[in-house]
């Protein structure tokens, strides 16, 4: 029996639409992500557990886990039955890479119990493919950090899909999910088909400056460059009072604030734990819509997917 954990992630990281992704872990040691427990079996079995298991489809063949197993078996041209327990600890449609967590943990667990027929690149390609079928287009900004850990730059080069770039170990990442869902597919549909040259140039400048600041460890420059011109102006309409909330969070001392992935989770960055706690409390009191919503103060998770238990 094998148990695999895959961490939550912040897609886009503000400035890098579909290009940047960061794996995160709460500073209190909680596991913010999904777990897969797997063993060989006579028939395929799937048991759903966890806080958000009630959000999963009742039809097994509509479950991401089954889709991962089915695709894997086709690739290796063997139908090997397994028994899987999915612990769904992330809400779907949250903007924290919920589907990516399930995909990464499942495919790593299946690969391991089948004696690793796929290498890491083949696994990541398959993760992106499954993610693309769910969201409407292949993108690696959640699956790559959840799989590899750290802050990932998505290259999609013929030889290299993603590479780790330096992150700021002094940064606290505060993430707040309000307790409501927002479909990734619908959040992608709201984006325009074309952008002006001015927007493209500005976005390229901010992204290049952020990457440069990351490698030269210029924290203030990196934070100032986390400006989002591709998705935030449009997706903010799906998040009530987003700009007002962003202004309040920055008044509290956040050095950056943005939408995590497609939303509705938002993130803030602080270099001071006292300020991070103030932001966390403000978000709990002002951003959460119900008791299922949550706020976590996090570090970057440098490990990515891993065996636990």
C-alpha atoms as a PDB file:
ATOM      1  CA  UNK A   1       0.000   0.000   0.000  1.00  0.00           C
ATOM      2  CA  UNK A   2       1.269   3.482  -0.936  1.00  0.00           C
ATOM      3  CA  UNK A   3       0.052   6.888   0.257  1.00  0.00           C
ATOM      4  CA  UNK A   4       0.896   9.984  -1.800  1.00  0.00           C
ATOM      5  CA  UNK A   5       0.275  13.657  -0.967  1.00  0.00           C
ATOM      6  CA  UNK A   6       0.198  16.502  -3.532  1.00  0.00           C
ATOM      7  CA  UNK A   7       0.197  20.140  -2.304  1.00  0.00           C
ATOM      8  CA  UNK A   8      -2.082  23.018  -3.307  1.00  0.00           C
ATOM      9  CA  UNK A   9      -0.714  25.676  -5.626  1.00  0.00           C
ATOM     10  CA  UNK A  10      -1.133  29.287  -6.673  1.00  0.00           C
ATOM     11  CA  UNK A  11      -1.492  29.393 -10.450  1.00  0.00           C
ATOM     12  CA  UNK A  12      -0.232  32.442 -12.391  1.00  0.00           C
ATOM     13  CA  UNK A  13       1.338  33.947  -9.212  1.00  0.00           C
ATOM     14  CA  UNK A  14      -0.150  37.239 -10.349  1.00  0.00           C
ATOM     15  CA  UNK A  15       2.276  38.289 -13.063  1.00  0.00           C
ATOM     16  CA  UNK A  16       2.698  34.976 -14.943  1.00  0.00           C
ATOM     17  CA  UNK A  17      -0.581  33.968 -16.584  1.00  0.00           C
ATOM     18  CA  UNK A  18      -0.292  30.234 -17.455  1.00  0.00           C
ATOM     19  CA  UNK A  19       3.495  30.591 -17.038  1.00  0.00           C
ATOM     20  CA  UNK A  20       4.123  30.665 -13.272  1.00  0.00           C
ATOM     21  CA  UNK A  21       2.894  28.433 -10.457  1.00  0.00           C
ATOM     22  CA  UNK A  22       3.876  28.052  -6.805  1.00  0.00           C
ATOM     23  CA  UNK A  23       3.310  25.069  -4.495  1.00  0.00           C
ATOM     24  CA  UNK A  24       2.302  26.144  -0.985  1.00  0.00           C
ATOM     25  CA  UNK A  25       2.240  24.689   2.534  1.00  0.00           C
ATOM     26  CA  UNK A  26       0.651  26.185   5.675  1.00  0.00           C
ATOM     27  CA  UNK A  27       3.158  27.347   8.278  1.00  0.00           C
ATOM     28  CA  UNK A  28       1.215  25.440  10.971  1.00  0.00           C
ATOM     29  CA  UNK A  29       2.142  22.116   9.357  1.00  0.00           C
ATOM     30  CA  UNK A  30      -1.341  21.231   8.069  1.00  0.00           C
ATOM     31  CA  UNK A  31      -1.575  19.363   4.766  1.00  0.00           C
ATOM     32  CA  UNK A  32      -3.247  21.646   2.233  1.00  0.00           C
ATOM     33  CA  UNK A  33      -3.780  19.281  -0.674  1.00  0.00           C
ATOM     34  CA  UNK A  34      -5.094  15.849  -1.657  1.00  0.00           C
ATOM     35  CA  UNK A  35      -3.948  12.374  -0.633  1.00  0.00           C
ATOM     36  CA  UNK A  36      -4.144   9.126  -2.581  1.00  0.00           C
ATOM     37  CA  UNK A  37      -3.815   5.707  -0.959  1.00  0.00           C
ATOM     38  CA  UNK A  38      -3.393   2.888  -3.483  1.00  0.00           C
ATOM     39  CA  UNK A  39      -2.956  -0.880  -3.552  1.00  0.00           C
ATOM     40  CA  UNK A  40      -3.281  -3.608  -6.170  1.00  0.00           C
ATOM     41  CA  UNK A  41      -6.729  -5.205  -6.300  1.00  0.00           C
ATOM     42  CA  UNK A  42      -8.877  -7.724  -8.211  1.00  0.00           C
ATOM     43  CA  UNK A  43     -11.147  -4.941  -9.504  1.00  0.00           C
ATOM     44  CA  UNK A  44     -10.915  -1.158  -9.802  1.00  0.00           C
ATOM     45  CA  UNK A  45     -12.289   0.405  -6.632  1.00  0.00           C
ATOM     46  CA  UNK A  46     -12.523   4.059  -5.625  1.00  0.00           C
ATOM     47  CA  UNK A  47     -13.450   5.377  -2.189  1.00  0.00           C
ATOM     48  CA  UNK A  48     -13.842   9.133  -1.689  1.00  0.00           C
ATOM     49  CA  UNK A  49     -13.042  10.633   1.708  1.00  0.00           C
ATOM     50  CA  UNK A  50     -12.061  14.054   3.037  1.00  0.00           C
ATOM     51  CA  UNK A  51     -13.735  17.373   3.847  1.00  0.00           C
ATOM     52  CA  UNK A  52     -14.726  18.097   0.243  1.00  0.00           C
ATOM     53  CA  UNK A  53     -15.540  14.566  -0.955  1.00  0.00           C
ATOM     54  CA  UNK A  54     -19.224  15.588  -1.189  1.00  0.00           C
ATOM     55  CA  UNK A  55     -18.262  17.762  -4.200  1.00  0.00           C
ATOM     56  CA  UNK A  56     -17.096  14.756  -6.222  1.00  0.00           C
ATOM     57  CA  UNK A  57     -19.246  13.068  -8.903  1.00  0.00           C
ATOM     58  CA  UNK A  58     -21.154   9.966  -7.792  1.00  0.00           C
ATOM     59  CA  UNK A  59     -20.385   8.261 -11.105  1.00  0.00           C
ATOM     60  CA  UNK A  60     -16.894   6.734 -10.696  1.00  0.00           C
ATOM     61  CA  UNK A  61     -16.038   7.138 -14.396  1.00  0.00           C
ATOM     62  CA  UNK A  62     -16.554  10.914 -14.096  1.00  0.00           C
ATOM     63  CA  UNK A  63     -14.016  11.105 -11.273  1.00  0.00           C
ATOM     64  CA  UNK A  64     -10.555  12.496 -12.101  1.00  0.00           C
ATOM     65  CA  UNK A  65      -8.950   9.516 -10.366  1.00  0.00           C
ATOM     66  CA  UNK A  66     -10.660   7.023 -12.678  1.00  0.00           C
ATOM     67  CA  UNK A  67      -9.703   9.117 -15.730  1.00  0.00           C
ATOM     68  CA  UNK A  68      -6.058   9.102 -14.602  1.00  0.00           C
ATOM     69  CA  UNK A  69      -6.081   5.324 -14.096  1.00  0.00           C
ATOM     70  CA  UNK A  70      -7.827   4.711 -17.440  1.00  0.00           C
ATOM     71  CA  UNK A  71      -5.355   6.897 -19.389  1.00  0.00           C
ATOM     72  CA  UNK A  72      -2.368   5.361 -17.611  1.00  0.00           C
ATOM     73  CA  UNK A  73      -3.512   1.832 -18.475  1.00  0.00           C
ATOM     74  CA  UNK A  74      -3.900   2.820 -22.149  1.00  0.00           C
ATOM     75  CA  UNK A  75      -0.378   4.236 -22.234  1.00  0.00           C
ATOM     76  CA  UNK A  76       1.259   1.138 -20.738  1.00  0.00           C
ATOM     77  CA  UNK A  77      -1.188  -1.110 -22.666  1.00  0.00           C
ATOM     78  CA  UNK A  78      -2.117  -3.065 -19.548  1.00  0.00           C
ATOM     79  CA  UNK A  79      -5.310  -2.945 -17.529  1.00  0.00           C
ATOM     80  CA  UNK A  80      -4.063  -3.332 -13.957  1.00  0.00           C
ATOM     81  CA  UNK A  81      -6.872  -3.038 -11.372  1.00  0.00           C
ATOM     82  CA  UNK A  82      -6.226  -1.040  -8.207  1.00  0.00           C
ATOM     83  CA  UNK A  83      -8.056   0.041  -5.081  1.00  0.00           C
ATOM     84  CA  UNK A  84      -7.769   3.780  -4.437  1.00  0.00           C
ATOM     85  CA  UNK A  85      -8.804   6.034  -1.564  1.00  0.00           C
ATOM     86  CA  UNK A  86      -8.991   9.720  -2.493  1.00  0.00           C
ATOM     87  CA  UNK A  87      -8.830  12.125   0.446  1.00  0.00           C
ATOM     88  CA  UNK A  88     -10.284  15.297  -1.047  1.00  0.00           C
ATOM     89  CA  UNK A  89      -9.018  18.079   1.193  1.00  0.00           C
ATOM     90  CA  UNK A  90      -9.242  20.911  -1.343  1.00  0.00           C
ATOM     91  CA  UNK A  91     -12.511  22.339  -2.693  1.00  0.00           C
ATOM     92  CA  UNK A  92     -13.052  22.144  -6.438  1.00  0.00           C
ATOM     93  CA  UNK A  93     -13.285  25.449  -8.301  1.00  0.00           C
ATOM     94  CA  UNK A  94     -11.240  27.186  -5.600  1.00  0.00           C
ATOM     95  CA  UNK A  95      -8.279  28.512  -7.600  1.00  0.00           C
ATOM     96  CA  UNK A  96      -5.821  26.452  -5.545  1.00  0.00           C
ATOM     97  CA  UNK A  97      -5.178  23.697  -8.059  1.00  0.00           C
ATOM     98  CA  UNK A  98      -7.722  21.262  -6.632  1.00  0.00           C
ATOM     99  CA  UNK A  99      -7.979  19.138  -9.778  1.00  0.00           C
ATOM    100  CA  UNK A 100      -4.187  19.300 -10.198  1.00  0.00           C
ATOM    101  CA  UNK A 101      -3.707  17.913  -6.667  1.00  0.00           C
ATOM    102  CA  UNK A 102      -5.894  14.901  -7.430  1.00  0.00           C
ATOM    103  CA  UNK A 103      -4.233  14.341 -10.816  1.00  0.00           C
ATOM    104  CA  UNK A 104      -0.658  14.628  -9.518  1.00  0.00           C
ATOM    105  CA  UNK A 105      -1.190  12.432  -6.452  1.00  0.00           C
ATOM    106  CA  UNK A 106      -3.089   9.794  -8.465  1.00  0.00           C
ATOM    107  CA  UNK A 107      -0.640   9.511 -11.360  1.00  0.00           C
ATOM    108  CA  UNK A 108       2.412   9.421  -9.088  1.00  0.00           C
ATOM    109  CA  UNK A 109       0.751   6.727  -6.936  1.00  0.00           C
ATOM    110  CA  UNK A 110      -0.268   4.638  -9.978  1.00  0.00           C
ATOM    111  CA  UNK A 111       3.173   4.992 -11.558  1.00  0.00           C
ATOM    112  CA  UNK A 112       4.848   3.861  -8.348  1.00  0.00           C
ATOM    113  CA  UNK A 113       2.622   0.840  -7.735  1.00  0.00           C
ATOM    114  CA  UNK A 114       3.104  -0.183 -11.406  1.00  0.00           C
ATOM    115  CA  UNK A 115       6.927  -0.054 -10.865  1.00  0.00           C
ATOM    116  CA  UNK A 116       7.488   3.346 -12.509  1.00  0.00           C
ATOM    117  CA  UNK A 117       6.982   2.673 -16.240  1.00  0.00           C
ATOM    118  CA  UNK A 118       6.792   6.446 -16.949  1.00  0.00           C
ATOM    119  CA  UNK A 119       9.625   8.914 -16.353  1.00  0.00           C
ATOM    120  CA  UNK A 120       9.046  12.338 -14.771  1.00  0.00           C
ATOM    121  CA  UNK A 121       8.631  14.159 -18.098  1.00  0.00           C
ATOM    122  CA  UNK A 122       6.123  11.584 -19.379  1.00  0.00           C
ATOM    123  CA  UNK A 123       4.208  11.863 -16.102  1.00  0.00           C
ATOM    124  CA  UNK A 124       4.101  15.676 -16.272  1.00  0.00           C
ATOM    125  CA  UNK A 125       2.897  15.584 -19.887  1.00  0.00           C
ATOM    126  CA  UNK A 126       0.114  13.205 -18.862  1.00  0.00           C
ATOM    127  CA  UNK A 127      -0.790  15.433 -15.895  1.00  0.00           C
ATOM    128  CA  UNK A 128      -1.116  18.421 -18.230  1.00  0.00           C
ATOM    129  CA  UNK A 129      -3.243  16.423 -20.650  1.00  0.00           C
ATOM    130  CA  UNK A 130      -5.731  15.339 -17.974  1.00  0.00           C
ATOM    131  CA  UNK A 131      -5.835  18.863 -16.507  1.00  0.00           C
ATOM    132  CA  UNK A 132      -6.499  20.262 -19.982  1.00  0.00           C
ATOM    133  CA  UNK A 133      -9.504  18.001 -20.478  1.00  0.00           C
ATOM    134  CA  UNK A 134     -11.061  19.389 -17.299  1.00  0.00           C
ATOM    135  CA  UNK A 135     -10.314  23.093 -17.737  1.00  0.00           C
ATOM    136  CA  UNK A 136     -10.608  23.363 -21.517  1.00  0.00           C
ATOM    137  CA  UNK A 137      -6.921  23.834 -22.388  1.00  0.00           C
ATOM    138  CA  UNK A 138      -3.603  22.275 -21.404  1.00  0.00           C
ATOM    139  CA  UNK A 139      -1.744  24.353 -18.820  1.00  0.00           C
ATOM    140  CA  UNK A 140       0.921  23.299 -16.327  1.00  0.00           C
ATOM    141  CA  UNK A 141       0.906  26.161 -13.812  1.00  0.00           C
ATOM    142  CA  UNK A 142      -0.828  24.011 -11.173  1.00  0.00           C
ATOM    143  CA  UNK A 143       0.280  20.462 -11.985  1.00  0.00           C
ATOM    144  CA  UNK A 144       3.979  21.394 -12.336  1.00  0.00           C
ATOM    145  CA  UNK A 145       4.396  23.036  -8.902  1.00  0.00           C
ATOM    146  CA  UNK A 146       2.188  20.421  -7.220  1.00  0.00           C
ATOM    147  CA  UNK A 147       4.373  17.703  -8.773  1.00  0.00           C
ATOM    148  CA  UNK A 148       7.830  19.308  -8.607  1.00  0.00           C
ATOM    149  CA  UNK A 149       7.402  21.795  -5.738  1.00  0.00           C
ATOM    150  CA  UNK A 150       8.724  25.348  -5.501  1.00  0.00           C
ATOM    151  CA  UNK A 151       8.070  28.240  -7.851  1.00  0.00           C
ATOM    152  CA  UNK A 152       7.845  26.826 -11.357  1.00  0.00           C
ATOM    153  CA  UNK A 153       8.384  28.617 -14.671  1.00  0.00           C
ATOM    154  CA  UNK A 154       6.471  26.792 -17.399  1.00  0.00           C
ATOM    155  CA  UNK A 155       8.732  26.560 -20.457  1.00  0.00           C
ATOM    156  CA  UNK A 156       6.964  23.929 -22.585  1.00  0.00           C
ATOM    157  CA  UNK A 157      10.243  23.508 -24.438  1.00  0.00           C
ATOM    158  CA  UNK A 158      10.550  20.294 -26.472  1.00  0.00           C
ATOM    159  CA  UNK A 159      12.946  18.925 -23.827  1.00  0.00           C
ATOM    160  CA  UNK A 160      11.917  20.808 -20.665  1.00  0.00           C
ATOM    161  CA  UNK A 161       8.309  21.464 -19.643  1.00  0.00           C
ATOM    162  CA  UNK A 162       8.994  23.344 -16.417  1.00  0.00           C
ATOM    163  CA  UNK A 163      11.907  24.563 -14.313  1.00  0.00           C
ATOM    164  CA  UNK A 164      12.212  25.723 -10.744  1.00  0.00           C
ATOM    165  CA  UNK A 165      13.175  29.369 -10.220  1.00  0.00           C
ATOM    166  CA  UNK A 166      14.383  30.966  -6.969  1.00  0.00           C
ATOM    167  CA  UNK A 167      11.685  32.081  -4.548  1.00  0.00           C
ATOM    168  CA  UNK A 168      11.843  34.437  -1.570  1.00  0.00           C
ATOM    169  CA  UNK A 169      12.172  32.451   1.647  1.00  0.00           C
ATOM    170  CA  UNK A 170      11.195  35.566   3.639  1.00  0.00           C
ATOM    171  CA  UNK A 171       7.763  35.757   2.007  1.00  0.00           C
ATOM    172  CA  UNK A 172       4.599  34.621   3.750  1.00  0.00           C
ATOM    173  CA  UNK A 173       1.792  33.776   1.321  1.00  0.00           C
ATOM    174  CA  UNK A 174      -1.697  34.318   2.745  1.00  0.00           C
ATOM    175  CA  UNK A 175      -4.405  32.490   0.788  1.00  0.00           C
ATOM    176  CA  UNK A 176      -8.138  32.949   1.366  1.00  0.00           C
ATOM    177  CA  UNK A 177     -10.871  30.806  -0.187  1.00  0.00           C
ATOM    178  CA  UNK A 178     -14.272  32.444   0.477  1.00  0.00           C
ATOM    179  CA  UNK A 179     -16.227  29.172   0.496  1.00  0.00           C
ATOM    180  CA  UNK A 180     -17.780  29.442  -2.973  1.00  0.00           C
ATOM    181  CA  UNK A 181     -16.868  27.772  -6.283  1.00  0.00           C
ATOM    182  CA  UNK A 182     -15.715  29.327  -9.536  1.00  0.00           C
ATOM    183  CA  UNK A 183     -15.269  27.107 -12.575  1.00  0.00           C
ATOM    184  CA  UNK A 184     -11.845  27.317 -14.269  1.00  0.00           C
ATOM    185  CA  UNK A 185     -13.470  26.854 -17.687  1.00  0.00           C
ATOM    186  CA  UNK A 186     -15.887  29.779 -17.138  1.00  0.00           C
ATOM    187  CA  UNK A 187     -13.078  31.960 -15.731  1.00  0.00           C
ATOM    188  CA  UNK A 188     -11.088  31.281 -18.922  1.00  0.00           C
ATOM    189  CA  UNK A 189     -14.047  32.054 -21.186  1.00  0.00           C
ATOM    190  CA  UNK A 190     -14.390  35.560 -19.750  1.00  0.00           C
ATOM    191  CA  UNK A 191     -10.932  36.525 -21.064  1.00  0.00           C
ATOM    192  CA  UNK A 192     -10.631  38.429 -24.354  1.00  0.00           C
ATOM    193  CA  UNK A 193      -9.391  36.688 -27.493  1.00  0.00           C
ATOM    194  CA  UNK A 194      -6.998  39.552 -28.336  1.00  0.00           C
ATOM    195  CA  UNK A 195      -4.903  42.078 -26.397  1.00  0.00           C
ATOM    196  CA  UNK A 196      -3.370  45.389 -27.494  1.00  0.00           C
ATOM    197  CA  UNK A 197       0.336  45.709 -28.206  1.00  0.00           C
ATOM    198  CA  UNK A 198       0.682  48.063 -25.225  1.00  0.00           C
ATOM    199  CA  UNK A 199      -0.767  45.465 -22.827  1.00  0.00           C
ATOM    200  CA  UNK A 200       1.478  42.722 -24.270  1.00  0.00           C
ATOM    201  CA  UNK A 201       4.618  44.859 -23.905  1.00  0.00           C
ATOM    202  CA  UNK A 202       3.763  45.912 -20.336  1.00  0.00           C
ATOM    203  CA  UNK A 203       2.945  42.338 -19.316  1.00  0.00           C
ATOM    204  CA  UNK A 204       6.226  41.074 -20.812  1.00  0.00           C
ATOM    205  CA  UNK A 205       8.131  43.789 -18.936  1.00  0.00           C
ATOM    206  CA  UNK A 206       6.538  42.895 -15.590  1.00  0.00           C
ATOM    207  CA  UNK A 207       7.082  39.157 -16.069  1.00  0.00           C
ATOM    208  CA  UNK A 208      10.716  39.551 -17.198  1.00  0.00           C
ATOM    209  CA  UNK A 209      11.381  41.935 -14.302  1.00  0.00           C
ATOM    210  CA  UNK A 210       9.841  39.483 -11.809  1.00  0.00           C
ATOM    211  CA  UNK A 211      12.019  36.619 -13.104  1.00  0.00           C
ATOM    212  CA  UNK A 212      15.103  38.866 -12.996  1.00  0.00           C
ATOM    213  CA  UNK A 213      14.243  40.006  -9.453  1.00  0.00           C
ATOM    214  CA  UNK A 214      13.763  36.382  -8.372  1.00  0.00           C
ATOM    215  CA  UNK A 215      17.212  35.365  -9.597  1.00  0.00           C
ATOM    216  CA  UNK A 216      18.895  38.458  -8.130  1.00  0.00           C
ATOM    217  CA  UNK A 217      16.815  38.175  -4.912  1.00  0.00           C
ATOM    218  CA  UNK A 218      15.407  41.709  -5.082  1.00  0.00           C
ATOM    219  CA  UNK A 219      12.295  41.187  -2.982  1.00  0.00           C
ATOM    220  CA  UNK A 220      10.836  44.699  -3.312  1.00  0.00           C
ATOM    221  CA  UNK A 221      11.328  44.777  -7.075  1.00  0.00           C
ATOM    222  CA  UNK A 222       9.681  41.354  -7.455  1.00  0.00           C
ATOM    223  CA  UNK A 223       6.671  42.468  -5.405  1.00  0.00           C
ATOM    224  CA  UNK A 224       6.298  45.698  -7.386  1.00  0.00           C
ATOM    225  CA  UNK A 225       6.358  43.738 -10.649  1.00  0.00           C
ATOM    226  CA  UNK A 226       3.516  41.403  -9.637  1.00  0.00           C
ATOM    227  CA  UNK A 227       1.024  43.320 -11.770  1.00  0.00           C
ATOM    228  CA  UNK A 228      -1.565  41.312 -13.674  1.00  0.00           C
ATOM    229  CA  UNK A 229      -2.827  42.654 -17.005  1.00  0.00           C
ATOM    230  CA  UNK A 230      -4.039  39.494 -18.757  1.00  0.00           C
ATOM    231  CA  UNK A 231      -6.676  38.034 -16.429  1.00  0.00           C
ATOM    232  CA  UNK A 232      -7.208  40.192 -13.336  1.00  0.00           C
ATOM    233  CA  UNK A 233      -9.023  43.107 -15.076  1.00  0.00           C
ATOM    234  CA  UNK A 234     -11.620  40.626 -16.369  1.00  0.00           C
ATOM    235  CA  UNK A 235     -11.785  37.953 -13.663  1.00  0.00           C
ATOM    236  CA  UNK A 236     -12.103  40.638 -10.968  1.00  0.00           C
ATOM    237  CA  UNK A 237     -15.732  41.008 -12.130  1.00  0.00           C
ATOM    238  CA  UNK A 238     -16.343  37.459 -10.863  1.00  0.00           C
ATOM    239  CA  UNK A 239     -14.995  38.370  -7.407  1.00  0.00           C
ATOM    240  CA  UNK A 240     -17.221  40.985  -5.697  1.00  0.00           C
ATOM    241  CA  UNK A 241     -15.305  44.005  -4.313  1.00  0.00           C
ATOM    242  CA  UNK A 242     -11.959  42.572  -5.454  1.00  0.00           C
ATOM    243  CA  UNK A 243     -10.203  45.903  -5.959  1.00  0.00           C
ATOM    244  CA  UNK A 244     -11.629  47.339  -2.736  1.00  0.00           C
ATOM    245  CA  UNK A 245     -10.405  44.246  -0.848  1.00  0.00           C
ATOM    246  CA  UNK A 246      -7.019  44.457  -2.538  1.00  0.00           C
ATOM    247  CA  UNK A 247      -6.680  48.091  -1.446  1.00  0.00           C
ATOM    248  CA  UNK A 248      -7.544  47.206   2.176  1.00  0.00           C
ATOM    249  CA  UNK A 249      -5.060  44.301   2.196  1.00  0.00           C
ATOM    250  CA  UNK A 250      -2.280  46.561   0.909  1.00  0.00           C
ATOM    251  CA  UNK A 251      -3.137  49.148   3.577  1.00  0.00           C
ATOM    252  CA  UNK A 252      -2.486  46.437   6.163  1.00  0.00           C
ATOM    253  CA  UNK A 253       1.045  46.055   4.779  1.00  0.00           C
ATOM    254  CA  UNK A 254       0.866  43.413   2.025  1.00  0.00           C
ATOM    255  CA  UNK A 255       3.625  43.870  -0.558  1.00  0.00           C
ATOM    256  CA  UNK A 256       1.508  42.118  -3.197  1.00  0.00           C
ATOM    257  CA  UNK A 257      -2.020  40.824  -3.659  1.00  0.00           C
ATOM    258  CA  UNK A 258      -3.769  38.995  -6.501  1.00  0.00           C
ATOM    259  CA  UNK A 259      -6.125  36.290  -7.678  1.00  0.00           C
ATOM    260  CA  UNK A 260      -4.920  32.711  -7.186  1.00  0.00           C
ATOM    261  CA  UNK A 261      -5.384  30.893 -10.485  1.00  0.00           C
ATOM    262  CA  UNK A 262      -8.914  31.425 -11.757  1.00  0.00           C
ATOM    263  CA  UNK A 263     -10.187  32.484  -8.313  1.00  0.00           C
ATOM    264  CA  UNK A 264     -12.151  32.957  -6.152  1.00  0.00           C
ATOM    265  CA  UNK A 265      -9.172  32.369  -3.807  1.00  0.00           C
ATOM    266  CA  UNK A 266      -7.051  35.475  -3.446  1.00  0.00           C
ATOM    267  CA  UNK A 267      -3.483  35.654  -2.178  1.00  0.00           C
ATOM    268  CA  UNK A 268      -1.424  38.287  -0.413  1.00  0.00           C
ATOM    269  CA  UNK A 269       2.302  38.436   0.291  1.00  0.00           C
ATOM    270  CA  UNK A 270       4.027  39.808   3.382  1.00  0.00           C
ATOM    271  CA  UNK A 271       7.588  39.668   4.710  1.00  0.00           C
ATOM    272  CA  UNK A 272       6.435  40.154   8.305  1.00  0.00           C
ATOM    273  CA  UNK A 273       4.597  37.446  10.260  1.00  0.00           C
ATOM    274  CA  UNK A 274       2.707  40.021  12.373  1.00  0.00           C
ATOM    275  CA  UNK A 275       1.408  41.713   9.226  1.00  0.00           C
ATOM    276  CA  UNK A 276       0.612  38.305   7.707  1.00  0.00           C
ATOM    277  CA  UNK A 277      -1.501  37.479  10.776  1.00  0.00           C
ATOM    278  CA  UNK A 278      -3.308  40.841  10.547  1.00  0.00           C
ATOM    279  CA  UNK A 279      -4.087  40.194   6.870  1.00  0.00           C
ATOM    280  CA  UNK A 280      -5.233  36.662   7.714  1.00  0.00           C
ATOM    281  CA  UNK A 281      -7.619  37.954  10.384  1.00  0.00           C
ATOM    282  CA  UNK A 282      -8.975  40.676   8.082  1.00  0.00           C
ATOM    283  CA  UNK A 283      -9.649  38.119   5.351  1.00  0.00           C
ATOM    284  CA  UNK A 284     -11.415  35.800   7.808  1.00  0.00           C
ATOM    285  CA  UNK A 285     -13.678  38.640   8.890  1.00  0.00           C
ATOM    286  CA  UNK A 286     -14.253  40.264   5.493  1.00  0.00           C
ATOM    287  CA  UNK A 287     -13.675  37.805   2.646  1.00  0.00           C
ATOM    288  CA  UNK A 288     -15.126  34.482   3.786  1.00  0.00           C
ATOM    289  CA  UNK A 289     -18.760  33.905   2.810  1.00  0.00           C
ATOM    290  CA  UNK A 290     -19.493  30.863   4.969  1.00  0.00           C
ATOM    291  CA  UNK A 291     -18.022  28.428   7.505  1.00  0.00           C
ATOM    292  CA  UNK A 292     -16.437  26.210   4.833  1.00  0.00           C
ATOM    293  CA  UNK A 293     -14.187  29.053   3.673  1.00  0.00           C
ATOM    294  CA  UNK A 294     -10.627  29.196   5.018  1.00  0.00           C
ATOM    295  CA  UNK A 295      -7.501  31.305   5.293  1.00  0.00           C
ATOM    296  CA  UNK A 296      -3.956  29.925   5.546  1.00  0.00           C
ATOM    297  CA  UNK A 297      -0.592  31.602   6.023  1.00  0.00           C
ATOM    298  CA  UNK A 298       1.848  29.606   3.899  1.00  0.00           C
ATOM    299  CA  UNK A 299       5.423  29.124   2.786  1.00  0.00           C
ATOM    300  CA  UNK A 300       6.449  27.920  -0.652  1.00  0.00           C
ATOM    301  CA  UNK A 301       6.389  24.096  -0.574  1.00  0.00           C
ATOM    302  CA  UNK A 302       9.728  23.105  -2.088  1.00  0.00           C
ATOM    303  CA  UNK A 303       9.082  19.337  -1.941  1.00  0.00           C
ATOM    304  CA  UNK A 304       6.027  18.962  -4.173  1.00  0.00           C
ATOM    305  CA  UNK A 305       4.373  15.542  -4.363  1.00  0.00           C
ATOM    306  CA  UNK A 306       5.600  13.034  -1.805  1.00  0.00           C
ATOM    307  CA  UNK A 307       5.003   9.739  -0.061  1.00  0.00           C
ATOM    308  CA  UNK A 308       3.591  10.061   3.440  1.00  0.00           C
ATOM    309  CA  UNK A 309       2.437   7.747   6.231  1.00  0.00           C
END
